[in-house]
């Protein structure tokens, strides 16, 4: 299925971000099918104190377009800490807010620190 099917002008439908045909495109997409690049997601990183220990919480990821499980695995290895996933992000043990914001910015996310 493409543009102008059955005519001499027939063209495949292409991705607006990468220009590849839709069947070959690997761009992350949101739940409605639109392209959702890392820079389009407003990620906020905050720290919380739970039972006397610091926890860094990264929230605001698109649940369909972002692979938060993969991001958490990389963050745990990078910062040698434990953690877990949540609905729209992940949690990392320890106070690593500033370092996590910088790392997410390197990956292309629009990450900002939240809280004090």
PDB file of N, CA and C in Angstrom:
ATOM      1  N   UNK A   1       0.848  -1.172   0.000  1.00  0.00           N
ATOM      2  CA  UNK A   1       0.000   0.000   0.000  1.00  0.00           C
ATOM      3  C   UNK A   1       0.891   1.231   0.000  1.00  0.00           C
ATOM      4  N   UNK A   2       0.634   2.167  -0.845  1.00  0.00           N
ATOM      5  CA  UNK A   2       1.438   3.369  -0.917  1.00  0.00           C
ATOM      6  C   UNK A   2       0.662   4.516  -1.517  1.00  0.00           C
ATOM      7  N   UNK A   3       1.361   5.559  -1.818  1.00  0.00           N
ATOM      8  CA  UNK A   3       0.748   6.723  -2.433  1.00  0.00           C
ATOM      9  C   UNK A   3       0.475   6.440  -3.902  1.00  0.00           C
ATOM     10  N   UNK A   4      -0.678   6.869  -4.380  1.00  0.00           N
ATOM     11  CA  UNK A   4      -1.070   6.728  -5.785  1.00  0.00           C
ATOM     12  C   UNK A   4      -1.020   5.265  -6.242  1.00  0.00           C
ATOM     13  N   UNK A   5      -1.548   4.345  -5.444  1.00  0.00           N
ATOM     14  CA  UNK A   5      -1.552   2.926  -5.800  1.00  0.00           C
ATOM     15  C   UNK A   5      -2.234   2.687  -7.142  1.00  0.00           C
ATOM     16  N   UNK A   6      -1.627   1.866  -7.954  1.00  0.00           N
ATOM     17  CA  UNK A   6      -2.187   1.481  -9.228  1.00  0.00           C
ATOM     18  C   UNK A   6      -1.937   2.464 -10.355  1.00  0.00           C
ATOM     19  N   UNK A   7      -1.142   3.505 -10.108  1.00  0.00           N
ATOM     20  CA  UNK A   7      -0.829   4.463 -11.164  1.00  0.00           C
ATOM     21  C   UNK A   7       0.662   4.442 -11.438  1.00  0.00           C
ATOM     22  N   UNK A   8       1.067   5.192 -12.436  1.00  0.00           N
ATOM     23  CA  UNK A   8       2.496   5.259 -12.746  1.00  0.00           C
ATOM     24  C   UNK A   8       3.262   6.091 -11.721  1.00  0.00           C
ATOM     25  N   UNK A   9       2.553   6.818 -10.868  1.00  0.00           N
ATOM     26  CA  UNK A   9       3.185   7.649  -9.826  1.00  0.00           C
ATOM     27  C   UNK A   9       3.263   6.934  -8.479  1.00  0.00           C
ATOM     28  N   UNK A  10       3.059   5.645  -8.456  1.00  0.00           N
ATOM     29  CA  UNK A  10       3.012   4.889  -7.205  1.00  0.00           C
ATOM     30  C   UNK A  10       4.327   5.006  -6.441  1.00  0.00           C
ATOM     31  N   UNK A  11       4.256   5.367  -5.179  1.00  0.00           N
ATOM     32  CA  UNK A  11       5.408   5.525  -4.294  1.00  0.00           C
ATOM     33  C   UNK A  11       5.083   4.900  -2.937  1.00  0.00           C
ATOM     34  N   UNK A  12       6.076   4.311  -2.271  1.00  0.00           N
ATOM     35  CA  UNK A  12       5.811   3.783  -0.921  1.00  0.00           C
ATOM     36  C   UNK A  12       5.659   4.926   0.073  1.00  0.00           C
ATOM     37  N   UNK A  13       4.902   4.689   1.121  1.00  0.00           N
ATOM     38  CA  UNK A  13       4.750   5.667   2.187  1.00  0.00           C
ATOM     39  C   UNK A  13       6.047   5.682   2.987  1.00  0.00           C
ATOM     40  N   UNK A  14       6.599   6.875   3.228  1.00  0.00           N
ATOM     41  CA  UNK A  14       7.880   6.986   3.925  1.00  0.00           C
ATOM     42  C   UNK A  14       7.707   7.647   5.287  1.00  0.00           C
ATOM     43  N   UNK A  15       8.668   7.416   6.139  1.00  0.00           N
ATOM     44  CA  UNK A  15       8.703   7.999   7.482  1.00  0.00           C
ATOM     45  C   UNK A  15       9.087   9.472   7.371  1.00  0.00           C
ATOM     46  N   UNK A  16       8.409  10.316   8.123  1.00  0.00           N
ATOM     47  CA  UNK A  16       8.704  11.749   8.077  1.00  0.00           C
ATOM     48  C   UNK A  16      10.009  12.104   8.786  1.00  0.00           C
ATOM     49  N   UNK A  17      10.516  11.226   9.613  1.00  0.00           N
ATOM     50  CA  UNK A  17      11.754  11.518  10.341  1.00  0.00           C
ATOM     51  C   UNK A  17      13.001  11.048   9.592  1.00  0.00           C
ATOM     52  N   UNK A  18      12.986   9.809   9.095  1.00  0.00           N
ATOM     53  CA  UNK A  18      14.196   9.261   8.477  1.00  0.00           C
ATOM     54  C   UNK A  18      14.114   9.139   6.962  1.00  0.00           C
ATOM     55  N   UNK A  19      12.910   9.202   6.394  1.00  0.00           N
ATOM     56  CA  UNK A  19      12.755   9.114   4.954  1.00  0.00           C
ATOM     57  C   UNK A  19      12.726   7.703   4.404  1.00  0.00           C
ATOM     58  N   UNK A  20      12.866   6.697   5.241  1.00  0.00           N
ATOM     59  CA  UNK A  20      12.808   5.295   4.808  1.00  0.00           C
ATOM     60  C   UNK A  20      11.353   4.881   4.586  1.00  0.00           C
ATOM     61  N   UNK A  21      11.125   3.863   3.745  1.00  0.00           N
ATOM     62  CA  UNK A  21       9.761   3.330   3.632  1.00  0.00           C
ATOM     63  C   UNK A  21       9.264   2.856   5.002  1.00  0.00           C
ATOM     64  N   UNK A  22       7.993   3.011   5.234  1.00  0.00           N
ATOM     65  CA  UNK A  22       7.423   2.719   6.557  1.00  0.00           C
ATOM     66  C   UNK A  22       7.716   1.291   7.003  1.00  0.00           C
ATOM     67  N   UNK A  23       7.729   0.343   6.091  1.00  0.00           N
ATOM     68  CA  UNK A  23       7.993  -1.051   6.450  1.00  0.00           C
ATOM     69  C   UNK A  23       9.429  -1.253   6.928  1.00  0.00           C
ATOM     70  N   UNK A  24      10.371  -0.412   6.488  1.00  0.00           N
ATOM     71  CA  UNK A  24      11.781  -0.556   6.854  1.00  0.00           C
ATOM     72  C   UNK A  24      12.211   0.425   7.943  1.00  0.00           C
ATOM     73  N   UNK A  25      11.318   1.289   8.372  1.00  0.00           N
ATOM     74  CA  UNK A  25      11.651   2.322   9.362  1.00  0.00           C
ATOM     75  C   UNK A  25      11.756   1.719  10.763  1.00  0.00           C
ATOM     76  N   UNK A  26      12.772   2.159  11.511  1.00  0.00           N
ATOM     77  CA  UNK A  26      12.962   1.687  12.884  1.00  0.00           C
ATOM     78  C   UNK A  26      12.864   2.832  13.882  1.00  0.00           C
ATOM     79  N   UNK A  27      12.259   3.949  13.484  1.00  0.00           N
ATOM     80  CA  UNK A  27      12.090   5.093  14.384  1.00  0.00           C
ATOM     81  C   UNK A  27      11.105   4.724  15.495  1.00  0.00           C
ATOM     82  N   UNK A  28      11.356   5.191  16.724  1.00  0.00           N
ATOM     83  CA  UNK A  28      10.425   4.896  17.818  1.00  0.00           C
ATOM     84  C   UNK A  28       9.089   5.596  17.583  1.00  0.00           C
ATOM     85  N   UNK A  29       8.010   4.896  17.812  1.00  0.00           N
ATOM     86  CA  UNK A  29       6.673   5.445  17.589  1.00  0.00           C
ATOM     87  C   UNK A  29       5.857   5.384  18.864  1.00  0.00           C
ATOM     88  N   UNK A  30       4.988   6.383  19.036  1.00  0.00           N
ATOM     89  CA  UNK A  30       4.115   6.426  20.204  1.00  0.00           C
ATOM     90  C   UNK A  30       2.916   5.517  19.971  1.00  0.00           C
ATOM     91  N   UNK A  31       2.008   5.493  20.913  1.00  0.00           N
ATOM     92  CA  UNK A  31       0.850   4.611  20.828  1.00  0.00           C
ATOM     93  C   UNK A  31      -0.061   4.913  19.650  1.00  0.00           C
ATOM     94  N   UNK A  32      -0.114   6.169  19.196  1.00  0.00           N
ATOM     95  CA  UNK A  32      -0.980   6.518  18.065  1.00  0.00           C
ATOM     96  C   UNK A  32      -0.288   6.340  16.722  1.00  0.00           C
ATOM     97  N   UNK A  33       0.959   5.884  16.707  1.00  0.00           N
ATOM     98  CA  UNK A  33       1.670   5.599  15.475  1.00  0.00           C
ATOM     99  C   UNK A  33       2.552   6.716  14.963  1.00  0.00           C
ATOM    100  N   UNK A  34       2.534   7.869  15.614  1.00  0.00           N
ATOM    101  CA  UNK A  34       3.391   8.970  15.170  1.00  0.00           C
ATOM    102  C   UNK A  34       4.810   8.783  15.704  1.00  0.00           C
ATOM    103  N   UNK A  35       5.771   9.360  14.989  1.00  0.00           N
ATOM    104  CA  UNK A  35       7.170   9.246  15.394  1.00  0.00           C
ATOM    105  C   UNK A  35       7.373  10.012  16.700  1.00  0.00           C
ATOM    106  N   UNK A  36       8.016   9.371  17.660  1.00  0.00           N
ATOM    107  CA  UNK A  36       8.263   9.980  18.970  1.00  0.00           C
ATOM    108  C   UNK A  36       9.745   9.810  19.280  1.00  0.00           C
ATOM    109  N   UNK A  37      10.545  10.760  18.830  1.00  0.00           N
ATOM    110  CA  UNK A  37      11.983  10.716  19.040  1.00  0.00           C
ATOM    111  C   UNK A  37      12.324  11.052  20.487  1.00  0.00           C
ATOM    112  N   UNK A  38      13.517  10.677  20.955  1.00  0.00           N
ATOM    113  CA  UNK A  38      13.892  10.983  22.336  1.00  0.00           C
ATOM    114  C   UNK A  38      13.803  12.479  22.673  1.00  0.00           C
ATOM    115  N   UNK A  39      14.143  13.348  21.737  1.00  0.00           N
ATOM    116  CA  UNK A  39      14.092  14.784  21.999  1.00  0.00           C
ATOM    117  C   UNK A  39      12.686  15.328  22.168  1.00  0.00           C
ATOM    118  N   UNK A  40      11.678  14.561  21.741  1.00  0.00           N
ATOM    119  CA  UNK A  40      10.288  14.983  21.867  1.00  0.00           C
ATOM    120  C   UNK A  40       9.690  14.623  23.223  1.00  0.00           C
ATOM    121  N   UNK A  41      10.417  13.888  24.034  1.00  0.00           N
ATOM    122  CA  UNK A  41       9.902  13.438  25.327  1.00  0.00           C
ATOM    123  C   UNK A  41      10.457  14.317  26.441  1.00  0.00           C
ATOM    124  N   UNK A  42       9.578  14.863  27.242  1.00  0.00           N
ATOM    125  CA  UNK A  42       9.984  15.736  28.348  1.00  0.00           C
ATOM    126  C   UNK A  42      10.254  14.877  29.580  1.00  0.00           C
ATOM    127  N   UNK A  43      11.493  14.473  29.750  1.00  0.00           N
ATOM    128  CA  UNK A  43      11.877  13.603  30.859  1.00  0.00           C
ATOM    129  C   UNK A  43      12.314  14.474  32.037  1.00  0.00           C
ATOM    130  N   UNK A  44      11.803  14.173  33.211  1.00  0.00           N
ATOM    131  CA  UNK A  44      12.182  14.888  34.429  1.00  0.00           C
ATOM    132  C   UNK A  44      12.835  13.896  35.376  1.00  0.00           C
ATOM    133  N   UNK A  45      13.947  14.297  35.953  1.00  0.00           N
ATOM    134  CA  UNK A  45      14.695  13.432  36.869  1.00  0.00           C
ATOM    135  C   UNK A  45      14.684  14.097  38.233  1.00  0.00           C
ATOM    136  N   UNK A  46      14.168  13.391  39.220  1.00  0.00           N
ATOM    137  CA  UNK A  46      14.099  13.933  40.582  1.00  0.00           C
ATOM    138  C   UNK A  46      14.686  12.921  41.555  1.00  0.00           C
ATOM    139  N   UNK A  47      14.958  13.398  42.747  1.00  0.00           N
ATOM    140  CA  UNK A  47      15.451  12.494  43.792  1.00  0.00           C
ATOM    141  C   UNK A  47      14.479  12.532  44.952  1.00  0.00           C
ATOM    142  N   UNK A  48      14.316  11.388  45.556  1.00  0.00           N
ATOM    143  CA  UNK A  48      13.415  11.237  46.698  1.00  0.00           C
ATOM    144  C   UNK A  48      14.150  10.508  47.811  1.00  0.00           C
ATOM    145  N   UNK A  49      13.759  10.816  49.021  1.00  0.00           N
ATOM    146  CA  UNK A  49      14.324  10.116  50.165  1.00  0.00           C
ATOM    147  C   UNK A  49      13.276   9.130  50.669  1.00  0.00           C
ATOM    148  N   UNK A  50      13.625   7.862  50.625  1.00  0.00           N
ATOM    149  CA  UNK A  50      12.714   6.810  51.068  1.00  0.00           C
ATOM    150  C   UNK A  50      13.393   5.980  52.135  1.00  0.00           C
ATOM    151  N   UNK A  51      12.785   5.931  53.288  1.00  0.00           N
ATOM    152  CA  UNK A  51      13.318   5.184  54.436  1.00  0.00           C
ATOM    153  C   UNK A  51      14.765   5.569  54.725  1.00  0.00           C
ATOM    154  N   UNK A  52      15.072   6.855  54.563  1.00  0.00           N
ATOM    155  CA  UNK A  52      16.400   7.352  54.885  1.00  0.00           C
ATOM    156  C   UNK A  52      17.430   7.195  53.790  1.00  0.00           C
ATOM    157  N   UNK A  53      17.028   6.672  52.632  1.00  0.00           N
ATOM    158  CA  UNK A  53      17.979   6.475  51.528  1.00  0.00           C
ATOM    159  C   UNK A  53      17.475   7.214  50.288  1.00  0.00           C
ATOM    160  N   UNK A  54      18.410   7.673  49.466  1.00  0.00           N
ATOM    161  CA  UNK A  54      18.061   8.418  48.267  1.00  0.00           C
ATOM    162  C   UNK A  54      17.722   7.477  47.118  1.00  0.00           C
ATOM    163  N   UNK A  55      16.721   7.886  46.335  1.00  0.00           N
ATOM    164  CA  UNK A  55      16.308   7.181  45.127  1.00  0.00           C
ATOM    165  C   UNK A  55      16.192   8.228  44.025  1.00  0.00           C
ATOM    166  N   UNK A  56      16.737   7.949  42.859  1.00  0.00           N
ATOM    167  CA  UNK A  56      16.630   8.835  41.709  1.00  0.00           C
ATOM    168  C   UNK A  56      15.531   8.302  40.803  1.00  0.00           C
ATOM    169  N   UNK A  57      14.557   9.166  40.482  1.00  0.00           N
ATOM    170  CA  UNK A  57      13.402   8.776  39.688  1.00  0.00           C
ATOM    171  C   UNK A  57      13.420   9.542  38.367  1.00  0.00           C
ATOM    172  N   UNK A  58      13.414   8.827  37.255  1.00  0.00           N
ATOM    173  CA  UNK A  58      13.327   9.421  35.920  1.00  0.00           C
ATOM    174  C   UNK A  58      11.941   9.099  35.376  1.00  0.00           C
ATOM    175  N   UNK A  59      11.148  10.142  35.088  1.00  0.00           N
ATOM    176  CA  UNK A  59       9.775   9.954  34.628  1.00  0.00           C
ATOM    177  C   UNK A  59       9.509  10.846  33.425  1.00  0.00           C
ATOM    178  N   UNK A  60       8.490  10.484  32.654  1.00  0.00           N
ATOM    179  CA  UNK A  60       8.101  11.265  31.506  1.00  0.00           C
ATOM    180  C   UNK A  60       8.430  10.621  30.180  1.00  0.00           C
ATOM    181  N   UNK A  61       8.892   9.385  30.198  1.00  0.00           N
ATOM    182  CA  UNK A  61       9.170   8.662  28.961  1.00  0.00           C
ATOM    183  C   UNK A  61       7.850   8.230  28.325  1.00  0.00           C
ATOM    184  N   UNK A  62       7.803   8.186  27.008  1.00  0.00           N
ATOM    185  CA  UNK A  62       6.641   7.632  26.319  1.00  0.00           C
ATOM    186  C   UNK A  62       6.694   6.121  26.530  1.00  0.00           C
ATOM    187  N   UNK A  63       5.648   5.520  27.099  1.00  0.00           N
ATOM    188  CA  UNK A  63       5.720   4.095  27.424  1.00  0.00           C
ATOM    189  C   UNK A  63       5.835   3.179  26.212  1.00  0.00           C
ATOM    190  N   UNK A  64       5.367   3.606  25.053  1.00  0.00           N
ATOM    191  CA  UNK A  64       5.431   2.767  23.860  1.00  0.00           C
ATOM    192  C   UNK A  64       6.722   3.016  23.090  1.00  0.00           C
ATOM    193  N   UNK A  65       7.111   4.284  22.944  1.00  0.00           N
ATOM    194  CA  UNK A  65       8.266   4.636  22.115  1.00  0.00           C
ATOM    195  C   UNK A  65       9.604   4.383  22.797  1.00  0.00           C
ATOM    196  N   UNK A  66       9.648   4.422  24.113  1.00  0.00           N
ATOM    197  CA  UNK A  66      10.915   4.250  24.837  1.00  0.00           C
ATOM    198  C   UNK A  66      11.007   2.865  25.448  1.00  0.00           C
ATOM    199  N   UNK A  67      12.168   2.294  25.365  1.00  0.00           N
ATOM    200  CA  UNK A  67      12.426   1.000  25.984  1.00  0.00           C
ATOM    201  C   UNK A  67      13.042   1.271  27.357  1.00  0.00           C
ATOM    202  N   UNK A  68      12.192   1.544  28.341  1.00  0.00           N
ATOM    203  CA  UNK A  68      12.699   1.908  29.675  1.00  0.00           C
ATOM    204  C   UNK A  68      13.432   0.753  30.333  1.00  0.00           C
ATOM    205  N   UNK A  69      13.088  -0.469  29.983  1.00  0.00           N
ATOM    206  CA  UNK A  69      13.795  -1.619  30.554  1.00  0.00           C
ATOM    207  C   UNK A  69      15.248  -1.617  30.101  1.00  0.00           C
ATOM    208  N   UNK A  70      15.477  -1.348  28.813  1.00  0.00           N
ATOM    209  CA  UNK A  70      16.842  -1.292  28.280  1.00  0.00           C
ATOM    210  C   UNK A  70      17.605  -0.105  28.875  1.00  0.00           C
ATOM    211  N   UNK A  71      16.933   1.050  28.984  1.00  0.00           N
ATOM    212  CA  UNK A  71      17.578   2.223  29.584  1.00  0.00           C
ATOM    213  C   UNK A  71      17.963   1.961  31.032  1.00  0.00           C
ATOM    214  N   UNK A  72      17.067   1.310  31.779  1.00  0.00           N
ATOM    215  CA  UNK A  72      17.372   0.994  33.177  1.00  0.00           C
ATOM    216  C   UNK A  72      18.554   0.045  33.268  1.00  0.00           C
ATOM    217  N   UNK A  73      18.603  -0.945  32.407  1.00  0.00           N
ATOM    218  CA  UNK A  73      19.716  -1.900  32.432  1.00  0.00           C
ATOM    219  C   UNK A  73      21.043  -1.190  32.178  1.00  0.00           C
ATOM    220  N   UNK A  74      21.065  -0.263  31.211  1.00  0.00           N
ATOM    221  CA  UNK A  74      22.281   0.495  30.931  1.00  0.00           C
ATOM    222  C   UNK A  74      22.646   1.412  32.098  1.00  0.00           C
ATOM    223  N   UNK A  75      21.654   2.044  32.707  1.00  0.00           N
ATOM    224  CA  UNK A  75      21.916   2.943  33.834  1.00  0.00           C
ATOM    225  C   UNK A  75      22.433   2.171  35.047  1.00  0.00           C
ATOM    226  N   UNK A  76      21.866   1.003  35.303  1.00  0.00           N
ATOM    227  CA  UNK A  76      22.334   0.188  36.421  1.00  0.00           C
ATOM    228  C   UNK A  76      23.781  -0.231  36.227  1.00  0.00           C
ATOM    229  N   UNK A  77      24.143  -0.585  35.002  1.00  0.00           N
ATOM    230  CA  UNK A  77      25.524  -0.970  34.733  1.00  0.00           C
ATOM    231  C   UNK A  77      26.456   0.233  34.805  1.00  0.00           C
ATOM    232  N   UNK A  78      26.001   1.363  34.299  1.00  0.00           N
ATOM    233  CA  UNK A  78      26.831   2.577  34.266  1.00  0.00           C
ATOM    234  C   UNK A  78      27.114   3.115  35.668  1.00  0.00           C
ATOM    235  N   UNK A  79      26.115   3.081  36.541  1.00  0.00           N
ATOM    236  CA  UNK A  79      26.252   3.668  37.878  1.00  0.00           C
ATOM    237  C   UNK A  79      26.382   2.632  38.996  1.00  0.00           C
ATOM    238  N   UNK A  80      26.470   1.364  38.650  1.00  0.00           N
ATOM    239  CA  UNK A  80      26.642   0.275  39.617  1.00  0.00           C
ATOM    240  C   UNK A  80      25.629   0.392  40.747  1.00  0.00           C
ATOM    241  N   UNK A  81      24.360   0.433  40.343  1.00  0.00           N
ATOM    242  CA  UNK A  81      23.284   0.588  41.316  1.00  0.00           C
ATOM    243  C   UNK A  81      22.116  -0.306  40.926  1.00  0.00           C
ATOM    244  N   UNK A  82      21.243  -0.545  41.868  1.00  0.00           N
ATOM    245  CA  UNK A  82      20.033  -1.298  41.600  1.00  0.00           C
ATOM    246  C   UNK A  82      18.928  -0.357  41.169  1.00  0.00           C
ATOM    247  N   UNK A  83      17.805  -0.932  40.796  1.00  0.00           N
ATOM    248  CA  UNK A  83      16.673  -0.106  40.399  1.00  0.00           C
ATOM    249  C   UNK A  83      15.564  -0.941  39.827  1.00  0.00           C
ATOM    250  N   UNK A  84      14.519  -0.257  39.387  1.00  0.00           N
ATOM    251  CA  UNK A  84      13.369  -0.934  38.803  1.00  0.00           C
ATOM    252  C   UNK A  84      12.602   0.005  37.905  1.00  0.00           C
ATOM    253  N   UNK A  85      11.707  -0.564  37.087  1.00  0.00           N
ATOM    254  CA  UNK A  85      10.913   0.249  36.178  1.00  0.00           C
ATOM    255  C   UNK A  85       9.594   0.634  36.828  1.00  0.00           C
ATOM    256  N   UNK A  86       9.020   1.725  36.341  1.00  0.00           N
ATOM    257  CA  UNK A  86       7.697   2.156  36.776  1.00  0.00           C
ATOM    258  C   UNK A  86       6.850   2.372  35.527  1.00  0.00           C
ATOM    259  N   UNK A  87       5.675   2.981  35.674  1.00  0.00           N
ATOM    260  CA  UNK A  87       4.761   3.149  34.538  1.00  0.00           C
ATOM    261  C   UNK A  87       5.369   3.946  33.392  1.00  0.00           C
ATOM    262  N   UNK A  88       5.935   5.125  33.690  1.00  0.00           N
ATOM    263  CA  UNK A  88       6.449   5.990  32.627  1.00  0.00           C
ATOM    264  C   UNK A  88       7.920   6.306  32.801  1.00  0.00           C
ATOM    265  N   UNK A  89       8.656   5.422  33.477  1.00  0.00           N
ATOM    266  CA  UNK A  89      10.079   5.672  33.669  1.00  0.00           C
ATOM    267  C   UNK A  89      10.738   4.575  34.471  1.00  0.00           C
ATOM    268  N   UNK A  90      11.751   4.981  35.250  1.00  0.00           N
ATOM    269  CA  UNK A  90      12.448   4.007  36.077  1.00  0.00           C
ATOM    270  C   UNK A  90      13.018   4.687  37.311  1.00  0.00           C
ATOM    271  N   UNK A  91      13.415   3.867  38.278  1.00  0.00           N
ATOM    272  CA  UNK A  91      14.003   4.334  39.533  1.00  0.00           C
ATOM    273  C   UNK A  91      15.384   3.716  39.672  1.00  0.00           C
ATOM    274  N   UNK A  92      16.305   4.499  40.197  1.00  0.00           N
ATOM    275  CA  UNK A  92      17.682   4.067  40.368  1.00  0.00           C
ATOM    276  C   UNK A  92      18.084   4.355  41.808  1.00  0.00           C
ATOM    277  N   UNK A  93      18.714   3.408  42.452  1.00  0.00           N
ATOM    278  CA  UNK A  93      19.108   3.605  43.841  1.00  0.00           C
ATOM    279  C   UNK A  93      20.237   4.619  43.939  1.00  0.00           C
ATOM    280  N   UNK A  94      20.153   5.478  44.937  1.00  0.00           N
ATOM    281  CA  UNK A  94      21.194   6.460  45.175  1.00  0.00           C
ATOM    282  C   UNK A  94      20.848   7.819  44.583  1.00  0.00           C
ATOM    283  N   UNK A  95      21.594   8.841  45.013  1.00  0.00           N
ATOM    284  CA  UNK A  95      21.397  10.204  44.524  1.00  0.00           C
ATOM    285  C   UNK A  95      22.281  10.414  43.300  1.00  0.00           C
ATOM    286  N   UNK A  96      21.713  10.153  42.123  1.00  0.00           N
ATOM    287  CA  UNK A  96      22.468  10.276  40.864  1.00  0.00           C
ATOM    288  C   UNK A  96      21.732  11.172  39.881  1.00  0.00           C
ATOM    289  N   UNK A  97      21.002  12.162  40.406  1.00  0.00           N
ATOM    290  CA  UNK A  97      20.162  13.009  39.564  1.00  0.00           C
ATOM    291  C   UNK A  97      20.960  13.732  38.483  1.00  0.00           C
ATOM    292  N   UNK A  98      21.989  14.465  38.867  1.00  0.00           N
ATOM    293  CA  UNK A  98      22.733  15.276  37.908  1.00  0.00           C
ATOM    294  C   UNK A  98      23.457  14.412  36.867  1.00  0.00           C
ATOM    295  N   UNK A  99      24.045  13.323  37.301  1.00  0.00           N
ATOM    296  CA  UNK A  99      24.746  12.432  36.375  1.00  0.00           C
ATOM    297  C   UNK A  99      23.756  11.778  35.408  1.00  0.00           C
ATOM    298  N   UNK A 100      22.575  11.408  35.897  1.00  0.00           N
ATOM    299  CA  UNK A 100      21.573  10.781  35.054  1.00  0.00           C
ATOM    300  C   UNK A 100      21.016  11.776  34.037  1.00  0.00           C
ATOM    301  N   UNK A 101      20.834  13.020  34.441  1.00  0.00           N
ATOM    302  CA  UNK A 101      20.361  14.050  33.509  1.00  0.00           C
ATOM    303  C   UNK A 101      21.367  14.225  32.375  1.00  0.00           C
ATOM    304  N   UNK A 102      22.640  14.307  32.694  1.00  0.00           N
ATOM    305  CA  UNK A 102      23.671  14.472  31.658  1.00  0.00           C
ATOM    306  C   UNK A 102      23.710  13.272  30.716  1.00  0.00           C
ATOM    307  N   UNK A 103      23.602  12.071  31.251  1.00  0.00           N
ATOM    308  CA  UNK A 103      23.633  10.864  30.426  1.00  0.00           C
ATOM    309  C   UNK A 103      22.423  10.805  29.497  1.00  0.00           C
ATOM    310  N   UNK A 104      21.233  11.142  30.016  1.00  0.00           N
ATOM    311  CA  UNK A 104      20.038  11.126  29.178  1.00  0.00           C
ATOM    312  C   UNK A 104      20.122  12.189  28.089  1.00  0.00           C
ATOM    313  N   UNK A 105      20.725  13.330  28.385  1.00  0.00           N
ATOM    314  CA  UNK A 105      20.918  14.358  27.363  1.00  0.00           C
ATOM    315  C   UNK A 105      21.862  13.863  26.268  1.00  0.00           C
ATOM    316  N   UNK A 106      22.893  13.103  26.649  1.00  0.00           N
ATOM    317  CA  UNK A 106      23.807  12.525  25.658  1.00  0.00           C
ATOM    318  C   UNK A 106      23.072  11.558  24.730  1.00  0.00           C
ATOM    319  N   UNK A 107      22.048  10.874  25.267  1.00  0.00           N
ATOM    320  CA  UNK A 107      21.269   9.939  24.474  1.00  0.00           C
ATOM    321  C   UNK A 107      20.232  10.654  23.605  1.00  0.00           C
ATOM    322  N   UNK A 108      20.060  11.961  23.793  1.00  0.00           N
ATOM    323  CA  UNK A 108      19.135  12.726  22.962  1.00  0.00           C
ATOM    324  C   UNK A 108      17.822  13.092  23.636  1.00  0.00           C
ATOM    325  N   UNK A 109      17.622  12.701  24.876  1.00  0.00           N
ATOM    326  CA  UNK A 109      16.391  13.048  25.581  1.00  0.00           C
ATOM    327  C   UNK A 109      16.442  14.473  26.083  1.00  0.00           C
ATOM    328  N   UNK A 110      15.280  15.108  26.162  1.00  0.00           N
ATOM    329  CA  UNK A 110      15.172  16.449  26.720  1.00  0.00           C
ATOM    330  C   UNK A 110      14.983  16.307  28.227  1.00  0.00           C
ATOM    331  N   UNK A 111      16.056  15.958  28.926  1.00  0.00           N
ATOM    332  CA  UNK A 111      16.002  15.678  30.354  1.00  0.00           C
ATOM    333  C   UNK A 111      16.334  16.932  31.153  1.00  0.00           C
ATOM    334  N   UNK A 112      15.569  17.141  32.215  1.00  0.00           N
ATOM    335  CA  UNK A 112      15.793  18.272  33.098  1.00  0.00           C
ATOM    336  C   UNK A 112      15.690  17.800  34.544  1.00  0.00           C
ATOM    337  N   UNK A 113      16.508  18.378  35.436  1.00  0.00           N
ATOM    338  CA  UNK A 113      16.370  18.019  36.847  1.00  0.00           C
ATOM    339  C   UNK A 113      15.108  18.630  37.423  1.00  0.00           C
ATOM    340  N   UNK A 114      14.483  17.920  38.319  1.00  0.00           N
ATOM    341  CA  UNK A 114      13.273  18.399  38.976  1.00  0.00           C
ATOM    342  C   UNK A 114      13.489  18.348  40.480  1.00  0.00           C
ATOM    343  N   UNK A 115      12.800  19.189  41.196  1.00  0.00           N
ATOM    344  CA  UNK A 115      12.909  19.197  42.652  1.00  0.00           C
ATOM    345  C   UNK A 115      14.132  19.974  43.108  1.00  0.00           C
ATOM    346  N   UNK A 116      14.414  19.865  44.405  1.00  0.00           N
ATOM    347  CA  UNK A 116      15.505  20.652  44.961  1.00  0.00           C
ATOM    348  C   UNK A 116      16.757  19.909  45.225  1.00  0.00           C
TER     349      UNK A 116
END
